[in-house]
Structures are given as structure tokens and as C-alpha cells.
Amino acid sequence: MKTVMTIFENSIIKGSYFLLFFFAFGGYAQTFTDSNLPIVIITTDINPDTNQPYEIPDEPRVFGSMKIIKHPDGSRNYMSDSNTAEFLNYDGRINIEIRGSSSQALPKKPYGLTTLKPDNISNNNVSLLGMPSENDWVLNSLAFDPSLIRDHLSYAISRQMGNYAPRTVYCEVVINGEYIGLYLLQEKIKADSNRVNILKITTTDTALPNVTGGYITKADKTTGDDPIAWSMPSYTGVTDYIHDLPKPEDVTPQQNFYIYNQFSLLANTSSIGNIAITNGYPSIIDIPTFVDFMLSNELASNVDGYQYSTYFHKERAGKLRAGPIWDFNLTYGNDLFLWGYDRSKTNVWQFGNEDNEGSKFWKDLFNNSTFKCYLSKRWNELKQPGNAMNLAFLNTFIDETVTYINEAKIRENQKWGTIPNQELEITNLKSFLSIRTTWITNNIGSYSACSSVSTPSLVITKINYNPSTSIEYPESNDSEFIEIKNTGLQNVPLSGIYFKELGISYSFPVGSTILQGQSIYLASNADVFLAKYGISAFGQFTRNLSNKSQKLILADAFGNTIDYVEYMDSSPWPTLADGNGYYLQLISTDLDNSLASSWTTTADQSLSSIEYTFTSDLKIYPNPVNSILNVQATQRITKIEIFDVFGKKLQTMIDDSAFIHLKMDSFAKGIYFLKIYGGEMSFKVEKVIKQ
């Protein structure tokens, strides 16, 4: 039989969590006065039966107060600052409970809490430690992780990849006067514009299109009273699924059937390798999120990945999406060694290692040559210098994190004994990443078949994100629109093309086409668009454009970006479009529309006018030009604006003539664009070359 010391020594070598043997009855008491990290102080209300603060149970939640000490200038934080308002990041009411599953068995507990208003009923949406305002938060106890950084590292990688993952901030925590160690204060996964950006489905959303979203569903073990919604086969057993949004007690039969059917369609299409953009798995799932989710789990060799803590979400009228990632403590070579497990290896695929493989569709997707090509392509992109899975980037992030928590880890270890040898643990983690990245590169296959995918010449050319209101059209959101133009020389089939960034949802109907040179409009309300502008919208998108900033990413069925614009309501973007009766207008399709300088603003009402039809009646000569450019038309020109190739306006000429001479002597050689107005309501853009 092994001695306790032998187990201790093996724990250091394996990097395991050995506190169950040494601190089964709690950690050491210690004096805590100050920290370089934020300090979270929680005091539960007094229990009248014992005249002592309430113990925090698994459930029900108990009420209390929380203070977060954080000097705004980043200087050191002191317990004595707890009554100094300028140093309090939060000072208010909460309710709190123990959370988690296996982590509850440890003396150091994880907690879930809600920030409340003084009435102890209303949620208090607040920003904690720089994270966006919300009311649901988690105090992550870093369970089973002697490195103390695995969750923090994994979530940061996912965000660096461009996905949402819970934001995390290290802190030291005191509960009812007792120092309880180093924690991560982090966001809880939930539907919110700054978290999982989907609509919250309600009990009345039972018919199309509302029943299509939004959902948050997870493959997981059950905790508390959450029932299993359905089970799906894996290659080694079954995987259980649980409703997260709507809550299990609120889900309707129609909603349960709809979202279950989406998973069933994924399972069926992936099992036969159906890649058709009309009825194959590309029509059901957002492929980039599934690719990124798999790479996050595989880089980490997450032993629970796919089977537990595996989230999915689906926007209304949108595709099924994988993520966000969650619970990455048993990763990067770490496992429950003292419970007899050792599964996080450098040389296995976690979806096919005969343990916790998750539903069959994960392995089926990997075995599909098309999906695997995109998986390989994304992997090889992410491991390039400066990217999220580049080894140098990872090592730098690890070093910076270890330095940041170096002081707190000493107190953590004094309290709980959770860190047998962090220096060795970090060395082993880096070594694991080095070996793991090489193994994935050697085993993920080629991406030559999808290395340079051709995408159609579709350009986002107009965006009305914050229309002005009027007596006739009092709802700003109802007048929103997006214009898309086919700038190519061929008609473009639109089947499978969709907006892949959350915020709005739209997928083009199967069989639809946009003709060469044609522009089409997508509207937030097709009826209002027709009534206001006298033009029929091609389609109607779900949700509304942000009045602040939003990414619009037009993609093909496999997630390849066709066009990308991220507008803002502030400089350098034209601010007239922000509720002032103007919309954003791309100056020319020859410009890069991802640059703010490529956009101007146009009066909202001009959309219903006939655009300046100068094609044969407008003459611009000589072109190329050396000195004088002649602009001649059969009707009067009221204004000409000159832009450079970056969209910067260089000159404005006001006139009222059908024949105008433009002096181009002072302009450098290059390409310029003329925006020629025939009144405020009509214009045309022409390209000019200056010699």
C-alpha cells in the first residue's frame, strides 16, 4: 500500500491535486491584509437562530453583502480600504450559493452569486472589475488545478480566436472574516448582448419563426434538479443534454422538439457525410464555431470535452453554434490522478479516445474530409506568430499570468496546500503544449483542398443602423436596412450564404440569386421598408442593428468570409448616420469597405429617389487626366466631391452647371473617386486616374 508521502511525491510529478488527503477538514487560518489583486469581501446575513452569519449552502441561496476593493489607478489594495468609497469597485447586496459538481467535494468551494438591488429582489446589472454589466457571476475556485491558470488561459485563447468566452479576473476572497484564497471572478454563461449574444426565448415562442431561437443547450451531467432533456449515442455510450435557455422548467414541448430536432439533423447528416449546402450539415451548423470549439478542446486535451460542460447556442433564424467553452481545469496534462484518472494526453483525440467522447457527430465531423480540411486550415492559421495557438504567444501569456498571481499563490498554498510545485507544474504545462501542438500538426491532415476558396463578389454598400423617426415612422428599428451589391460579372447563387456574426440573423433562401450588377436590400421590417421607400426588400433579417457598433460578416455555407464591415457610431466613422436622418454609404465598391474612410453619409430619404442615371449622359474626360478634368452632363450638377482611394474626402466643389472644369494639377498621381450630385437626392460615383 502506498504511503501518504509516496502519494505526495507522485502528486508533484503528475501535477495532481492532493488536498483531499491533507486538508480534508479545511485549510489553515491566516492573517490577510493586502494584495496586488482585487479583494472580494463577502458577508452573509445573520441567521437569527444562531446569531451567526449564514453558512453558504448548495441551495437555496442566502443573502449577503459584497465589497470589491480595487484601486482605480492599479495600485495595491488593502483590507482597510473596505469603507473608502473611491476604492470600492462594488458595494452592494448579493445572493450566493455553492456551485459546481465534483468540485463541491473539495474544502475550497466554488460559488455562484447574483448582484442585487437593496430590495433583495431586483437584479442589479453592474460592471465588476471592468467586465460588462450583468448580474450573474461565478467565483471559480480553480478546483483540481495546481497550476491555477488553466481556465484563465483557455478562455483567453478562445477570446483571442474571436469567440465569446467568459471574461475572468483574478482576485483574493474573504468570506465572513475568513480568508479563503485565490479565485477567478468570472462571467456566467447566459444570453446577453455582451455574453452569448442571442435573443432570450420565452414560453410564448412556440411557432415559426420564433420557436427557432434563442437556445442555450449543454451536454453535461445533471446537478440539482435539472432533468435530462434527451440523450444521444456516442461511440462508447450516451451523452445527456440539458436545457439552459429556456430553463428546464420553462421549456415547452414545441421548443424541446425543435432544438432536439436540430441536433438530430446534425447527427444524421454528419453520419453520412452530407455536405450539401441545402440539406447537409452546412445548412444546420455554423461550421467555424464547431471548428474552433474542437480546436480549443483538442489543444487542451480536455478530458471532459464533448461529454460534459459542452455548450451550444442557437439564435432565432440562425444556425446551431458550438460554445462557449467552459470548465477547462482537467486539461493540458492535468486529470484527477488521485481518483485513478490519467486521460489528458498529448497523443490522442479527445473525441475518439474511448472515454468522454461526446455525441457521435463530433467524430463523424472529423472523419468528413471537407470539415477536416477546414479544421486543419484553421489550426494552421491559429498557430502562426501572434495568433491564439502560437506556442510563443501561449508561453508569454502563461509567464505573465504566473507573475501576476505569484504573490497570491503563496497565500493560497498556505491556506489549502493546493500547489505542490507550481514551477514544475508550469514547466510541465509548457512542455505539454509544445508536444501537443506538434502532434496535432502531424495528425490533423492537409488543408490544400480548402486553402484558397473562391467567394462571390458581394459587397455591403449601405447600412442604416439608427434611422431617424417621424410621425409616420415612429419606430427607428423598423426602418433599418442593409444593401448588398453584386459587383461581379456573373449572377451569384445565394443558397447557403448567411450573416455569421451574432447580432442579426439572415440566411438567403435556397435557390435565390442576385444578378450581376444588381443591388438588393435586407430590411428589419419588410412592410415598413416598402411603405417608406417604395422598394421591396429582398428579405427581412432577425433582430436589429446595434446603434453603437456591430460586425456584419457575410459568409458562404462553410463560413468563408465574403464581406466584412464593423461600423461604429463614433469617429472616424461618419457620425451623421447615428440617428440624424442619414445612412452609411460606401463611396465606391473599388474601396475597402472595412475602412471607416471608405464610407460617407447620405440622406435617408434619398433611397426612394431615382439614382443619378448619367451612364450615357455623363462624360468625364480626359481620363487619365494631367491637368483639367471636364465633367459634362445633360442636366445640372450641383456638387462634386473628390475622394482618395482610402475614402478620405479631399475637396468639395459646389456648382450649378451642366459643364464643370476640375483642376487636378495639385493632385498626386493615383486613383481618385468623384461623387457627382444632381441635387441632394441623387448622385453617381466615377473613378478617375491622375497621371
Foldseek 3Di string as FASTA:
>chain_A
DDDPVVVLVVCQVLVWFDLCPPAQPFFDFDDDWKDLFKEKEKEFDADPVVRAHDDAEQDDWGKTWMWIFAQPVSDITTPVCRPPVNRTQDTAMKTKHFDDDVLCSGNQTKMKMFGAHPVVPHGDFGDGPNAGTDTIKIWARLPGFLLSCQLVLLQVLLVLLVDADKHWGWYWYHYRRTTRAITIIIDDADDDCRHNPADQQALVQQDPQSLQDWFKKWFADDDDPFDFLDWAAAPQGITTMTTPGVHSVGDDPSSSVNVVVLVVQLQVQLQVLPPDLFRHNLVAAQLVQLLSLQVSCQLFLALQPQRHQWMWTTHRQGHIGTDDHDDSRCTLQGDNVVVPDGRHALADRSLPPSHNNHHHSSVSLLPRPVSLLVSLLVLVVQCPPPHSLPLVVSLVVSVVVCVNCVVRVVVRCNGRVRHSDNVVVSVSSSVSSVSNSVNCNVPSDHNVVPNDDDDFQKEWFWWQAFAAADPVRHDRQQQTKIKIFRQDPAKDQQRQKWFDDPQKTDGDDHPDIAGHGDMAMEGQHQVVNCVQQVDGHPYHIPHGHDLAWDWTFIAGSNRHTNAIAIDGCDPPADNCSRRNQWIKGQLDSLARRNANLRIDIAGNRLSNPDADPCPPQWDWDDFQDAFKIKIAGPAWWAKKWKAARNNHTDDIDGDTGRIDIDTCNPPDFDKMKIWIDPDSNYTDIDIGTYD
